[in-house]
Amino acid sequence: MNYSELVTAIQTYTENNFPTTTLADSTVVSSTTQINRLITQAEQRIYNSVQFPSIRKNQYSAITANNKYVSLPSDFLSVYSLALVTGVTSANLDTGTFEFLLNKDVNFIRQAYPTPNDTGAPKYYALFGPTIVSSAITNELSLILGPTPDASYYVELHYYYYPVSIIQGVATTASITTTGSGLTNGTYYNVPLTGGTGNSAVATVVVAGNIVTSVTITYGGAYYIVGNVLTTSTSYIGGAGTAFTITLTAINNSTGMSWLGDNFDTVLLYGALVEAYTYMKGEADLIALYDTKYKEALALAKRLGDGMERQDAYRSGQYRQAVT
C-alpha cells in the first residue's frame, strides 16, 4: 500500500473526505493536513509498540578526549547498543575491536566518575538531556559516557529510529528565489504556501528591510517534488508589497512507499482508522470495531518483530501442531 492508496482507503472507510476546516483563530486546516496527522499518529503508535529489527540502524561517531557527551542522530528513538571501537582509523572501522558499553543511569556515572579528572576508556553510558550551545538546544538528547574519554575514540551506535513516513513528497527545505519587496517587517507564523505539485505546506517567514530574509518550512504537506516554486499571498505577511518565491531543494519520500506500507499495511490502515474515528468523534461501536481490528493486526506484527525475527529453527525448533 502506498500513500495515495492509504489516503483513499481512509476516506472510503470513514465516508469522509475531511474537508478544509477553519479554526476559531482563523487557521485553515486542509484535508491533507488532517489526514497526514492521523497517519503520523498511527505510525508513531505502531513503532512504539513493536521493536522491529527491520527499523534499526547504526552509525559511527568520533568522540574526543575530555568530552563525555555524544550527540544522538535526529531520527533517534531508543538505544539498541553502544560499542567503543579501538585500534582503527576512520577508513577501516569495521576491522576494529568492539567493546560494548554497559547502559547505566546518569546518577551512577556521576557518582562513579565525579570529577573531570576521572578519565579513561569509556565503560558505561546513559541517556542524558539536550545538548545546549550558547543557551540554544542543538539536539533533543545526548549520551553521557563514563569515565570521560582520555583520548579520541570511535563509537558504534546501534539504535531504533522512526523510518521515513509513508506520506509522499513532504517539503523539508527551500531556497529563497525572489525576496519580494515593500513588505511589512516582522516574523509571520503558519504562513500557507501555494504552488508546485503539492499542497498544504506551511512556513515561518521573516521579513526585514521590507524583504523576505528567511523562510523555514514548519509543515511539509504532501506531493511536492524538488524544484517546485512556492509563494503565498501578501495578506499572510503584513498585507503590503510584492510576495516572495522559494524553490524546494529537498523533500522526504518521493515514492509514497514505506516499510509499514510494504509489509504491514493492515496495521497501518486500522491504526489510522482508529485515529480517524476518534478525530471525527465517531460512534463508540465503530471505534471499538476498528480498535479490535487494529489490535489483531498489531498482534501479527508483534509475532514477527518480537518473535519470529528473534529466533531461528536450529536453536528454538519449529512450531508443531498436532495432527488429528
C-alpha atoms as a PDB file:
ATOM      1  CA  MET A   1       0.000   0.000   0.000  1.00  0.00           C
ATOM      2  CA  ASN A   2       1.359   3.412  -0.934  1.00  0.00           C
ATOM      3  CA  TYR A   3       0.406   6.838   0.404  1.00  0.00           C
ATOM      4  CA  SER A   4      -2.290   7.576  -2.195  1.00  0.00           C
ATOM      5  CA  GLU A   5      -3.915   4.172  -1.629  1.00  0.00           C
ATOM      6  CA  LEU A   6      -3.859   4.696   2.138  1.00  0.00           C
ATOM      7  CA  VAL A   7      -5.490   8.143   1.870  1.00  0.00           C
ATOM      8  CA  THR A   8      -8.207   6.743  -0.432  1.00  0.00           C
ATOM      9  CA  ALA A   9      -8.833   3.845   1.946  1.00  0.00           C
ATOM     10  CA  ILE A  10      -9.176   6.163   4.961  1.00  0.00           C
ATOM     11  CA  GLN A  11     -11.649   8.355   3.085  1.00  0.00           C
ATOM     12  CA  THR A  12     -13.608   5.341   1.836  1.00  0.00           C
ATOM     13  CA  TYR A  13     -13.833   3.531   5.172  1.00  0.00           C
ATOM     14  CA  THR A  14     -14.844   6.682   7.045  1.00  0.00           C
ATOM     15  CA  GLU A  15     -17.031   8.058   4.212  1.00  0.00           C
ATOM     16  CA  ASN A  16     -15.346  11.382   4.892  1.00  0.00           C
ATOM     17  CA  ASN A  17     -13.153  13.479   2.609  1.00  0.00           C
ATOM     18  CA  PHE A  18     -12.007  15.589   5.586  1.00  0.00           C
ATOM     19  CA  PRO A  19     -12.912  18.947   4.013  1.00  0.00           C
ATOM     20  CA  THR A  20     -10.819  22.027   4.725  1.00  0.00           C
ATOM     21  CA  THR A  21     -11.645  23.438   8.165  1.00  0.00           C
ATOM     22  CA  THR A  22     -11.197  26.961   9.517  1.00  0.00           C
ATOM     23  CA  LEU A  23     -10.485  27.087  13.249  1.00  0.00           C
ATOM     24  CA  ALA A  24     -11.675  29.739  15.710  1.00  0.00           C
ATOM     25  CA  ASP A  25      -8.354  31.601  15.369  1.00  0.00           C
ATOM     26  CA  SER A  26      -8.815  31.692  11.552  1.00  0.00           C
ATOM     27  CA  THR A  27      -6.181  28.982  10.993  1.00  0.00           C
ATOM     28  CA  VAL A  28      -7.049  26.989   7.880  1.00  0.00           C
ATOM     29  CA  VAL A  29      -6.534  23.229   8.192  1.00  0.00           C
ATOM     30  CA  SER A  30      -6.566  21.416   4.861  1.00  0.00           C
ATOM     31  CA  SER A  31      -7.743  17.887   4.137  1.00  0.00           C
ATOM     32  CA  THR A  32      -4.144  16.800   3.577  1.00  0.00           C
ATOM     33  CA  THR A  33      -3.066  18.220   6.939  1.00  0.00           C
ATOM     34  CA  GLN A  34      -5.866  16.400   8.751  1.00  0.00           C
ATOM     35  CA  ILE A  35      -5.226  13.028   7.126  1.00  0.00           C
ATOM     36  CA  ASN A  36      -1.443  13.290   7.462  1.00  0.00           C
ATOM     37  CA  ARG A  37      -1.804  13.930  11.180  1.00  0.00           C
ATOM     38  CA  LEU A  38      -3.875  10.753  11.575  1.00  0.00           C
ATOM     39  CA  ILE A  39      -1.330   8.707   9.611  1.00  0.00           C
ATOM     40  CA  THR A  40       1.606  10.090  11.594  1.00  0.00           C
ATOM     41  CA  GLN A  41      -0.108   9.318  14.913  1.00  0.00           C
ATOM     42  CA  ALA A  42      -0.782   5.745  13.779  1.00  0.00           C
ATOM     43  CA  GLU A  43       2.825   5.247  12.637  1.00  0.00           C
ATOM     44  CA  GLN A  44       4.204   6.516  15.942  1.00  0.00           C
ATOM     45  CA  ARG A  45       1.885   4.239  17.911  1.00  0.00           C
ATOM     46  CA  ILE A  46       2.964   1.198  15.902  1.00  0.00           C
ATOM     47  CA  TYR A  47       6.700   1.927  16.026  1.00  0.00           C
ATOM     48  CA  ASN A  48       6.477   2.366  19.801  1.00  0.00           C
ATOM     49  CA  SER A  49       4.525  -0.876  20.232  1.00  0.00           C
ATOM     50  CA  VAL A  50       6.766  -3.304  18.327  1.00  0.00           C
ATOM     51  CA  GLN A  51      10.562  -3.491  18.255  1.00  0.00           C
ATOM     52  CA  PHE A  52      11.030  -4.445  14.614  1.00  0.00           C
ATOM     53  CA  PRO A  53      14.667  -5.410  13.920  1.00  0.00           C
ATOM     54  CA  SER A  54      13.980  -4.014  10.454  1.00  0.00           C
ATOM     55  CA  ILE A  55      13.844  -0.462  11.873  1.00  0.00           C
ATOM     56  CA  ARG A  56      17.267  -0.477  13.491  1.00  0.00           C
ATOM     57  CA  LYS A  57      20.282   1.247  12.030  1.00  0.00           C
ATOM     58  CA  ASN A  58      23.821   2.011  13.141  1.00  0.00           C
ATOM     59  CA  GLN A  59      26.256   4.866  12.807  1.00  0.00           C
ATOM     60  CA  TYR A  60      29.861   5.529  13.749  1.00  0.00           C
ATOM     61  CA  SER A  61      30.808   8.689  15.630  1.00  0.00           C
ATOM     62  CA  ALA A  62      34.141  10.146  16.671  1.00  0.00           C
ATOM     63  CA  ILE A  63      34.486  11.099  20.338  1.00  0.00           C
ATOM     64  CA  THR A  64      37.254  13.342  21.591  1.00  0.00           C
ATOM     65  CA  ALA A  65      39.398  13.463  24.700  1.00  0.00           C
ATOM     66  CA  ASN A  66      37.847  15.208  27.737  1.00  0.00           C
ATOM     67  CA  ASN A  67      34.375  15.371  26.157  1.00  0.00           C
ATOM     68  CA  LYS A  68      31.978  12.991  27.891  1.00  0.00           C
ATOM     69  CA  TYR A  69      28.940  13.746  25.710  1.00  0.00           C
ATOM     70  CA  VAL A  70      27.850  12.090  22.463  1.00  0.00           C
ATOM     71  CA  SER A  71      25.202  13.731  20.265  1.00  0.00           C
ATOM     72  CA  LEU A  72      22.402  11.489  19.036  1.00  0.00           C
ATOM     73  CA  PRO A  73      21.023  11.461  15.466  1.00  0.00           C
ATOM     74  CA  SER A  74      17.849  13.406  14.721  1.00  0.00           C
ATOM     75  CA  ASP A  75      15.839  10.234  13.966  1.00  0.00           C
ATOM     76  CA  PHE A  76      16.884   8.532  17.223  1.00  0.00           C
ATOM     77  CA  LEU A  77      14.169   6.615  19.098  1.00  0.00           C
ATOM     78  CA  SER A  78      15.989   4.334  21.560  1.00  0.00           C
ATOM     79  CA  VAL A  79      19.356   2.655  22.088  1.00  0.00           C
ATOM     80  CA  TYR A  80      19.976  -0.913  20.986  1.00  0.00           C
ATOM     81  CA  SER A  81      23.695  -0.952  21.801  1.00  0.00           C
ATOM     82  CA  LEU A  82      26.760   1.280  22.050  1.00  0.00           C
ATOM     83  CA  ALA A  83      30.258  -0.033  21.420  1.00  0.00           C
ATOM     84  CA  LEU A  84      33.724   1.503  21.756  1.00  0.00           C
ATOM     85  CA  VAL A  85      35.798   0.771  18.637  1.00  0.00           C
ATOM     86  CA  THR A  86      39.545   0.739  19.161  1.00  0.00           C
ATOM     87  CA  GLY A  87      42.594   0.083  17.007  1.00  0.00           C
ATOM     88  CA  VAL A  88      41.122   1.656  13.880  1.00  0.00           C
ATOM     89  CA  THR A  89      41.059   4.757  11.733  1.00  0.00           C
ATOM     90  CA  SER A  90      38.024   6.271  10.056  1.00  0.00           C
ATOM     91  CA  ALA A  91      38.819   4.343   6.886  1.00  0.00           C
ATOM     92  CA  ASN A  92      38.532   0.831   8.399  1.00  0.00           C
ATOM     93  CA  LEU A  93      36.135   0.986  11.324  1.00  0.00           C
ATOM     94  CA  ASP A  94      34.698  -2.488  10.739  1.00  0.00           C
ATOM     95  CA  THR A  95      38.123  -4.055  11.354  1.00  0.00           C
ATOM     96  CA  GLY A  96      38.475  -2.633  14.876  1.00  0.00           C
ATOM     97  CA  THR A  97      37.965  -4.209  18.275  1.00  0.00           C
ATOM     98  CA  PHE A  98      34.442  -3.738  19.619  1.00  0.00           C
ATOM     99  CA  GLU A  99      33.950  -3.317  23.354  1.00  0.00           C
ATOM    100  CA  PHE A 100      30.287  -2.925  24.245  1.00  0.00           C
ATOM    101  CA  LEU A 101      29.486  -0.333  26.888  1.00  0.00           C
ATOM    102  CA  LEU A 102      27.023  -1.016  29.705  1.00  0.00           C
ATOM    103  CA  ASN A 103      23.887   1.073  29.963  1.00  0.00           C
ATOM    104  CA  LYS A 104      23.571   2.822  33.327  1.00  0.00           C
ATOM    105  CA  ASP A 105      21.692   5.709  34.893  1.00  0.00           C
ATOM    106  CA  VAL A 106      23.141   9.223  34.843  1.00  0.00           C
ATOM    107  CA  ASN A 107      23.325   9.113  38.650  1.00  0.00           C
ATOM    108  CA  PHE A 108      25.602   6.058  38.513  1.00  0.00           C
ATOM    109  CA  ILE A 109      28.029   7.745  36.118  1.00  0.00           C
ATOM    110  CA  ARG A 110      28.076  10.978  38.121  1.00  0.00           C
ATOM    111  CA  GLN A 111      28.764   9.061  41.342  1.00  0.00           C
ATOM    112  CA  ALA A 112      31.353   6.706  39.856  1.00  0.00           C
ATOM    113  CA  TYR A 113      33.230   9.453  37.974  1.00  0.00           C
ATOM    114  CA  PRO A 114      32.508  12.709  39.837  1.00  0.00           C
ATOM    115  CA  THR A 115      35.387  14.870  38.590  1.00  0.00           C
ATOM    116  CA  PRO A 116      36.709  15.899  35.153  1.00  0.00           C
ATOM    117  CA  ASN A 117      39.965  14.113  36.018  1.00  0.00           C
ATOM    118  CA  ASP A 118      38.206  10.731  36.009  1.00  0.00           C
ATOM    119  CA  THR A 119      39.317   9.809  32.513  1.00  0.00           C
ATOM    120  CA  GLY A 120      39.938   6.563  30.679  1.00  0.00           C
ATOM    121  CA  ALA A 121      38.418   4.364  28.003  1.00  0.00           C
ATOM    122  CA  PRO A 122      34.622   4.664  28.464  1.00  0.00           C
ATOM    123  CA  LYS A 123      32.882   1.656  30.005  1.00  0.00           C
ATOM    124  CA  TYR A 124      29.364   2.965  30.651  1.00  0.00           C
ATOM    125  CA  TYR A 125      26.821   5.261  29.046  1.00  0.00           C
ATOM    126  CA  ALA A 126      23.464   6.789  29.922  1.00  0.00           C
ATOM    127  CA  LEU A 127      20.825   8.842  28.174  1.00  0.00           C
ATOM    128  CA  PHE A 128      21.389  12.472  29.051  1.00  0.00           C
ATOM    129  CA  GLY A 129      19.477  15.668  28.357  1.00  0.00           C
ATOM    130  CA  PRO A 130      19.671  18.024  25.381  1.00  0.00           C
ATOM    131  CA  THR A 131      22.935  19.390  24.081  1.00  0.00           C
ATOM    132  CA  ILE A 132      22.922  23.143  24.740  1.00  0.00           C
ATOM    133  CA  VAL A 133      25.282  25.556  22.997  1.00  0.00           C
ATOM    134  CA  SER A 134      25.067  29.296  23.830  1.00  0.00           C
ATOM    135  CA  SER A 135      21.698  28.748  25.541  1.00  0.00           C
ATOM    136  CA  ALA A 136      20.261  27.070  22.431  1.00  0.00           C
ATOM    137  CA  ILE A 137      19.212  23.402  22.298  1.00  0.00           C
ATOM    138  CA  THR A 138      21.076  21.810  19.394  1.00  0.00           C
ATOM    139  CA  ASN A 139      19.577  18.335  19.745  1.00  0.00           C
ATOM    140  CA  GLU A 140      16.938  16.808  21.985  1.00  0.00           C
ATOM    141  CA  LEU A 141      19.017  14.023  23.538  1.00  0.00           C
ATOM    142  CA  SER A 142      22.633  13.078  24.014  1.00  0.00           C
ATOM    143  CA  LEU A 143      24.598  10.347  25.772  1.00  0.00           C
ATOM    144  CA  ILE A 144      26.939  10.780  28.713  1.00  0.00           C
ATOM    145  CA  LEU A 145      29.967   8.475  28.968  1.00  0.00           C
ATOM    146  CA  GLY A 146      31.821   7.224  31.980  1.00  0.00           C
ATOM    147  CA  PRO A 147      34.668   7.639  32.516  1.00  0.00           C
ATOM    148  CA  THR A 148      35.349  10.745  30.432  1.00  0.00           C
ATOM    149  CA  PRO A 149      37.363   9.722  27.332  1.00  0.00           C
ATOM    150  CA  ASP A 150      41.110  10.100  27.847  1.00  0.00           C
ATOM    151  CA  ALA A 151      41.776  10.112  24.094  1.00  0.00           C
ATOM    152  CA  SER A 152      39.977  10.181  20.756  1.00  0.00           C
ATOM    153  CA  TYR A 153      37.912   7.080  20.014  1.00  0.00           C
ATOM    154  CA  TYR A 154      35.177   5.883  17.705  1.00  0.00           C
ATOM    155  CA  VAL A 155      31.849   4.527  18.917  1.00  0.00           C
ATOM    156  CA  GLU A 156      29.257   2.489  17.052  1.00  0.00           C
ATOM    157  CA  LEU A 157      25.685   3.355  17.987  1.00  0.00           C
ATOM    158  CA  HIS A 158      23.042   0.789  17.069  1.00  0.00           C
ATOM    159  CA  TYR A 159      19.599   2.295  17.561  1.00  0.00           C
ATOM    160  CA  TYR A 160      15.894   2.174  16.834  1.00  0.00           C
ATOM    161  CA  TYR A 161      14.626   5.034  14.708  1.00  0.00           C
ATOM    162  CA  TYR A 162      11.478   6.394  13.113  1.00  0.00           C
ATOM    163  CA  PRO A 163      11.603   5.380   9.437  1.00  0.00           C
ATOM    164  CA  VAL A 164      10.520   7.912   6.852  1.00  0.00           C
ATOM    165  CA  SER A 165       6.742   8.267   6.960  1.00  0.00           C
ATOM    166  CA  ILE A 166       4.602   6.856   4.170  1.00  0.00           C
ATOM    167  CA  ILE A 167       3.458  10.433   3.466  1.00  0.00           C
ATOM    168  CA  GLN A 168       4.666  11.275  -0.036  1.00  0.00           C
ATOM    169  CA  GLY A 169       6.586  14.379  -1.113  1.00  0.00           C
ATOM    170  CA  VAL A 170       6.916  16.179   2.213  1.00  0.00           C
ATOM    171  CA  ALA A 171       8.681  19.515   1.657  1.00  0.00           C
ATOM    172  CA  THR A 172      11.645  19.943   4.016  1.00  0.00           C
ATOM    173  CA  THR A 173      13.998  22.699   2.810  1.00  0.00           C
ATOM    174  CA  ALA A 174      13.909  25.504   0.278  1.00  0.00           C
ATOM    175  CA  SER A 175      15.978  28.382  -1.001  1.00  0.00           C
ATOM    176  CA  ILE A 176      14.659  31.908  -1.487  1.00  0.00           C
ATOM    177  CA  THR A 177      14.295  32.596  -5.199  1.00  0.00           C
ATOM    178  CA  THR A 178      12.910  36.133  -5.003  1.00  0.00           C
ATOM    179  CA  THR A 179      12.750  38.172  -1.800  1.00  0.00           C
ATOM    180  CA  GLY A 180       9.679  40.239  -2.594  1.00  0.00           C
ATOM    181  CA  SER A 181       9.581  43.987  -1.961  1.00  0.00           C
ATOM    182  CA  GLY A 182       7.758  46.586   0.059  1.00  0.00           C
ATOM    183  CA  LEU A 183       6.764  44.042   2.696  1.00  0.00           C
ATOM    184  CA  THR A 184       5.950  44.781   6.333  1.00  0.00           C
ATOM    185  CA  ASN A 185       8.800  43.832   8.676  1.00  0.00           C
ATOM    186  CA  GLY A 186       8.105  41.092  11.211  1.00  0.00           C
ATOM    187  CA  THR A 187       8.054  37.349  11.834  1.00  0.00           C
ATOM    188  CA  TYR A 188       5.000  35.558  10.470  1.00  0.00           C
ATOM    189  CA  TYR A 189       3.984  32.068  11.606  1.00  0.00           C
ATOM    190  CA  ASN A 190       1.814  29.397   9.966  1.00  0.00           C
ATOM    191  CA  VAL A 191       2.068  31.038   6.554  1.00  0.00           C
ATOM    192  CA  PRO A 192       0.355  28.773   3.962  1.00  0.00           C
ATOM    193  CA  LEU A 193       2.380  28.176   0.813  1.00  0.00           C
ATOM    194  CA  THR A 194       0.862  27.700  -2.621  1.00  0.00           C
ATOM    195  CA  GLY A 195       2.160  26.458  -5.952  1.00  0.00           C
ATOM    196  CA  GLY A 196       4.047  23.414  -7.150  1.00  0.00           C
ATOM    197  CA  THR A 197       2.678  19.895  -7.481  1.00  0.00           C
ATOM    198  CA  GLY A 198       1.732  19.504  -3.814  1.00  0.00           C
ATOM    199  CA  ASN A 199      -0.365  21.202  -1.203  1.00  0.00           C
ATOM    200  CA  SER A 200      -0.659  22.247   2.454  1.00  0.00           C
ATOM    201  CA  ALA A 201       2.952  23.281   3.188  1.00  0.00           C
ATOM    202  CA  VAL A 202       3.273  25.906   5.922  1.00  0.00           C
ATOM    203  CA  ALA A 203       6.242  28.105   6.831  1.00  0.00           C
ATOM    204  CA  THR A 204       7.600  30.698   9.224  1.00  0.00           C
ATOM    205  CA  VAL A 205       8.598  33.804   7.275  1.00  0.00           C
ATOM    206  CA  VAL A 206      10.897  36.575   8.477  1.00  0.00           C
ATOM    207  CA  VAL A 207      10.729  39.999   6.797  1.00  0.00           C
ATOM    208  CA  ALA A 208      13.485  42.536   7.491  1.00  0.00           C
ATOM    209  CA  GLY A 209      14.337  45.631   5.479  1.00  0.00           C
ATOM    210  CA  ASN A 210      10.963  45.139   3.727  1.00  0.00           C
ATOM    211  CA  ILE A 211      12.152  41.940   2.029  1.00  0.00           C
ATOM    212  CA  VAL A 212      11.993  38.275   2.999  1.00  0.00           C
ATOM    213  CA  THR A 213      15.218  37.181   4.677  1.00  0.00           C
ATOM    214  CA  SER A 214      14.223  33.727   5.936  1.00  0.00           C
ATOM    215  CA  VAL A 215      11.649  31.047   5.115  1.00  0.00           C
ATOM    216  CA  THR A 216      11.549  27.949   7.324  1.00  0.00           C
ATOM    217  CA  ILE A 217       9.158  25.163   6.342  1.00  0.00           C
ATOM    218  CA  THR A 218       7.379  24.043   9.523  1.00  0.00           C
ATOM    219  CA  TYR A 219       4.890  21.646   7.947  1.00  0.00           C
ATOM    220  CA  GLY A 220       5.742  19.911   4.699  1.00  0.00           C
ATOM    221  CA  GLY A 221       2.337  18.961   3.294  1.00  0.00           C
ATOM    222  CA  ALA A 222       2.397  16.273   0.588  1.00  0.00           C
ATOM    223  CA  TYR A 223       3.011  15.519  -3.110  1.00  0.00           C
ATOM    224  CA  TYR A 224       5.778  18.081  -3.645  1.00  0.00           C
ATOM    225  CA  ILE A 225       8.872  17.479  -5.769  1.00  0.00           C
ATOM    226  CA  VAL A 226      12.299  19.102  -5.707  1.00  0.00           C
ATOM    227  CA  GLY A 227      12.304  22.238  -7.838  1.00  0.00           C
ATOM    228  CA  ASN A 228       8.712  23.256  -7.081  1.00  0.00           C
ATOM    229  CA  VAL A 229       8.364  27.032  -6.760  1.00  0.00           C
ATOM    230  CA  LEU A 230       6.121  28.164  -3.891  1.00  0.00           C
ATOM    231  CA  THR A 231       4.788  31.513  -2.761  1.00  0.00           C
ATOM    232  CA  THR A 232       1.995  32.973  -0.610  1.00  0.00           C
ATOM    233  CA  SER A 233      -0.478  35.817  -0.536  1.00  0.00           C
ATOM    234  CA  THR A 234       0.845  39.043   0.986  1.00  0.00           C
ATOM    235  CA  SER A 235      -2.242  39.012   3.238  1.00  0.00           C
ATOM    236  CA  TYR A 236      -0.406  36.451   5.386  1.00  0.00           C
ATOM    237  CA  ILE A 237       2.764  38.549   5.701  1.00  0.00           C
ATOM    238  CA  GLY A 238       1.601  42.035   6.550  1.00  0.00           C
ATOM    239  CA  GLY A 239      -0.745  42.800   3.664  1.00  0.00           C
ATOM    240  CA  ALA A 240       1.518  45.075   1.616  1.00  0.00           C
ATOM    241  CA  GLY A 241       4.138  44.779  -1.120  1.00  0.00           C
ATOM    242  CA  THR A 242       5.065  42.014  -3.514  1.00  0.00           C
ATOM    243  CA  ALA A 243       5.264  38.399  -2.322  1.00  0.00           C
ATOM    244  CA  PHE A 244       8.402  36.253  -2.318  1.00  0.00           C
ATOM    245  CA  THR A 245       9.053  32.911  -4.028  1.00  0.00           C
ATOM    246  CA  ILE A 246      11.028  29.899  -2.805  1.00  0.00           C
ATOM    247  CA  THR A 247      12.305  26.807  -4.602  1.00  0.00           C
ATOM    248  CA  LEU A 248      12.174  23.432  -2.864  1.00  0.00           C
ATOM    249  CA  THR A 249      15.620  21.882  -2.511  1.00  0.00           C
ATOM    250  CA  ALA A 250      14.703  18.697  -0.609  1.00  0.00           C
ATOM    251  CA  ILE A 251      11.669  16.534   0.153  1.00  0.00           C
ATOM    252  CA  ASN A 252      11.019  13.349   2.102  1.00  0.00           C
ATOM    253  CA  ASN A 253       9.737  10.172   0.420  1.00  0.00           C
ATOM    254  CA  SER A 254       9.301  10.865  -3.275  1.00  0.00           C
ATOM    255  CA  THR A 255       7.605   7.490  -3.864  1.00  0.00           C
ATOM    256  CA  GLY A 256       4.971   7.352  -1.118  1.00  0.00           C
ATOM    257  CA  MET A 257       6.226   3.920  -0.022  1.00  0.00           C
ATOM    258  CA  SER A 258       7.316   2.830   3.450  1.00  0.00           C
ATOM    259  CA  TRP A 259       8.344  -0.277   5.357  1.00  0.00           C
ATOM    260  CA  LEU A 260       4.981  -0.483   7.088  1.00  0.00           C
ATOM    261  CA  GLY A 261       3.093   0.094   3.848  1.00  0.00           C
ATOM    262  CA  ASP A 262       5.064  -2.677   2.135  1.00  0.00           C
ATOM    263  CA  ASN A 263       4.965  -5.221   4.960  1.00  0.00           C
ATOM    264  CA  PHE A 264       2.073  -4.479   7.342  1.00  0.00           C
ATOM    265  CA  ASP A 265      -0.418  -2.262   5.572  1.00  0.00           C
ATOM    266  CA  THR A 266      -3.298  -3.695   7.647  1.00  0.00           C
ATOM    267  CA  VAL A 267      -1.900  -2.482  10.958  1.00  0.00           C
ATOM    268  CA  LEU A 268      -1.188   0.934   9.414  1.00  0.00           C
ATOM    269  CA  LEU A 269      -4.682   1.212   7.909  1.00  0.00           C
ATOM    270  CA  TYR A 270      -6.548   0.132  11.037  1.00  0.00           C
ATOM    271  CA  GLY A 271      -4.317   2.292  13.228  1.00  0.00           C
ATOM    272  CA  ALA A 272      -5.144   5.301  11.056  1.00  0.00           C
ATOM    273  CA  LEU A 273      -8.852   4.444  11.143  1.00  0.00           C
ATOM    274  CA  VAL A 274      -8.823   4.351  14.953  1.00  0.00           C
ATOM    275  CA  GLU A 275      -7.247   7.820  14.927  1.00  0.00           C
ATOM    276  CA  ALA A 276      -9.722   8.989  12.251  1.00  0.00           C
ATOM    277  CA  TYR A 277     -12.870   7.888  14.070  1.00  0.00           C
ATOM    278  CA  THR A 278     -11.554   9.345  17.313  1.00  0.00           C
ATOM    279  CA  TYR A 279     -10.897  12.629  15.493  1.00  0.00           C
ATOM    280  CA  MET A 280     -14.384  12.526  13.982  1.00  0.00           C
ATOM    281  CA  LYS A 281     -15.953  11.731  17.371  1.00  0.00           C
ATOM    282  CA  GLY A 282     -17.448   8.679  15.698  1.00  0.00           C
ATOM    283  CA  GLU A 283     -19.822   6.114  17.091  1.00  0.00           C
ATOM    284  CA  ALA A 284     -18.393   4.185  20.018  1.00  0.00           C
ATOM    285  CA  ASP A 285     -19.163   0.809  18.409  1.00  0.00           C
ATOM    286  CA  LEU A 286     -17.254   1.758  15.239  1.00  0.00           C
ATOM    287  CA  ILE A 287     -14.268   2.959  17.242  1.00  0.00           C
ATOM    288  CA  ALA A 288     -14.335  -0.309  19.205  1.00  0.00           C
ATOM    289  CA  LEU A 289     -14.589  -2.331  15.983  1.00  0.00           C
ATOM    290  CA  TYR A 290     -11.573  -0.709  14.359  1.00  0.00           C
ATOM    291  CA  ASP A 291      -9.622  -0.778  17.612  1.00  0.00           C
ATOM    292  CA  THR A 292     -10.183  -4.554  17.722  1.00  0.00           C
ATOM    293  CA  LYS A 293      -9.071  -4.869  14.098  1.00  0.00           C
ATOM    294  CA  TYR A 294      -6.004  -2.756  14.875  1.00  0.00           C
ATOM    295  CA  LYS A 295      -5.049  -4.917  17.859  1.00  0.00           C
ATOM    296  CA  GLU A 296      -5.455  -8.099  15.790  1.00  0.00           C
ATOM    297  CA  ALA A 297      -3.184  -6.701  13.075  1.00  0.00           C
ATOM    298  CA  LEU A 298      -0.717  -5.421  15.684  1.00  0.00           C
ATOM    299  CA  ALA A 299      -0.557  -8.911  17.242  1.00  0.00           C
ATOM    300  CA  LEU A 300       0.577 -10.310  13.881  1.00  0.00           C
ATOM    301  CA  ALA A 301       3.180  -7.564  13.591  1.00  0.00           C
ATOM    302  CA  LYS A 302       4.434  -8.326  17.119  1.00  0.00           C
ATOM    303  CA  ARG A 303       4.595 -12.020  16.193  1.00  0.00           C
ATOM    304  CA  LEU A 304       7.118 -11.057  13.541  1.00  0.00           C
ATOM    305  CA  GLY A 305       9.009  -8.211  15.222  1.00  0.00           C
ATOM    306  CA  ASP A 306       9.097  -9.531  18.782  1.00  0.00           C
ATOM    307  CA  GLY A 307       9.024 -13.221  17.915  1.00  0.00           C
ATOM    308  CA  MET A 308       9.991 -14.735  14.590  1.00  0.00           C
ATOM    309  CA  GLU A 309      12.779 -12.250  13.839  1.00  0.00           C
ATOM    310  CA  ARG A 310      14.410 -13.025  17.203  1.00  0.00           C
ATOM    311  CA  GLN A 311      14.816 -16.784  16.841  1.00  0.00           C
ATOM    312  CA  ASP A 312      15.848 -19.458  14.388  1.00  0.00           C
ATOM    313  CA  ALA A 313      14.697 -23.023  13.845  1.00  0.00           C
ATOM    314  CA  TYR A 314      18.057 -24.531  14.862  1.00  0.00           C
ATOM    315  CA  ARG A 315      18.001 -23.071  18.379  1.00  0.00           C
ATOM    316  CA  SER A 316      14.300 -22.676  19.018  1.00  0.00           C
ATOM    317  CA  GLY A 317      12.816 -25.503  16.982  1.00  0.00           C
ATOM    318  CA  GLN A 318       9.824 -25.132  14.750  1.00  0.00           C
ATOM    319  CA  TYR A 319       6.230 -24.767  15.837  1.00  0.00           C
ATOM    320  CA  ARG A 320       4.402 -28.079  15.591  1.00  0.00           C
ATOM    321  CA  GLN A 321       0.657 -28.582  15.655  1.00  0.00           C
ATOM    322  CA  ALA A 322      -0.790 -31.955  16.489  1.00  0.00           C
ATOM    323  CA  VAL A 323      -2.404 -33.692  13.508  1.00  0.00           C
ATOM    324  CA  THR A 324      -5.672 -35.460  14.277  1.00  0.00           C
END
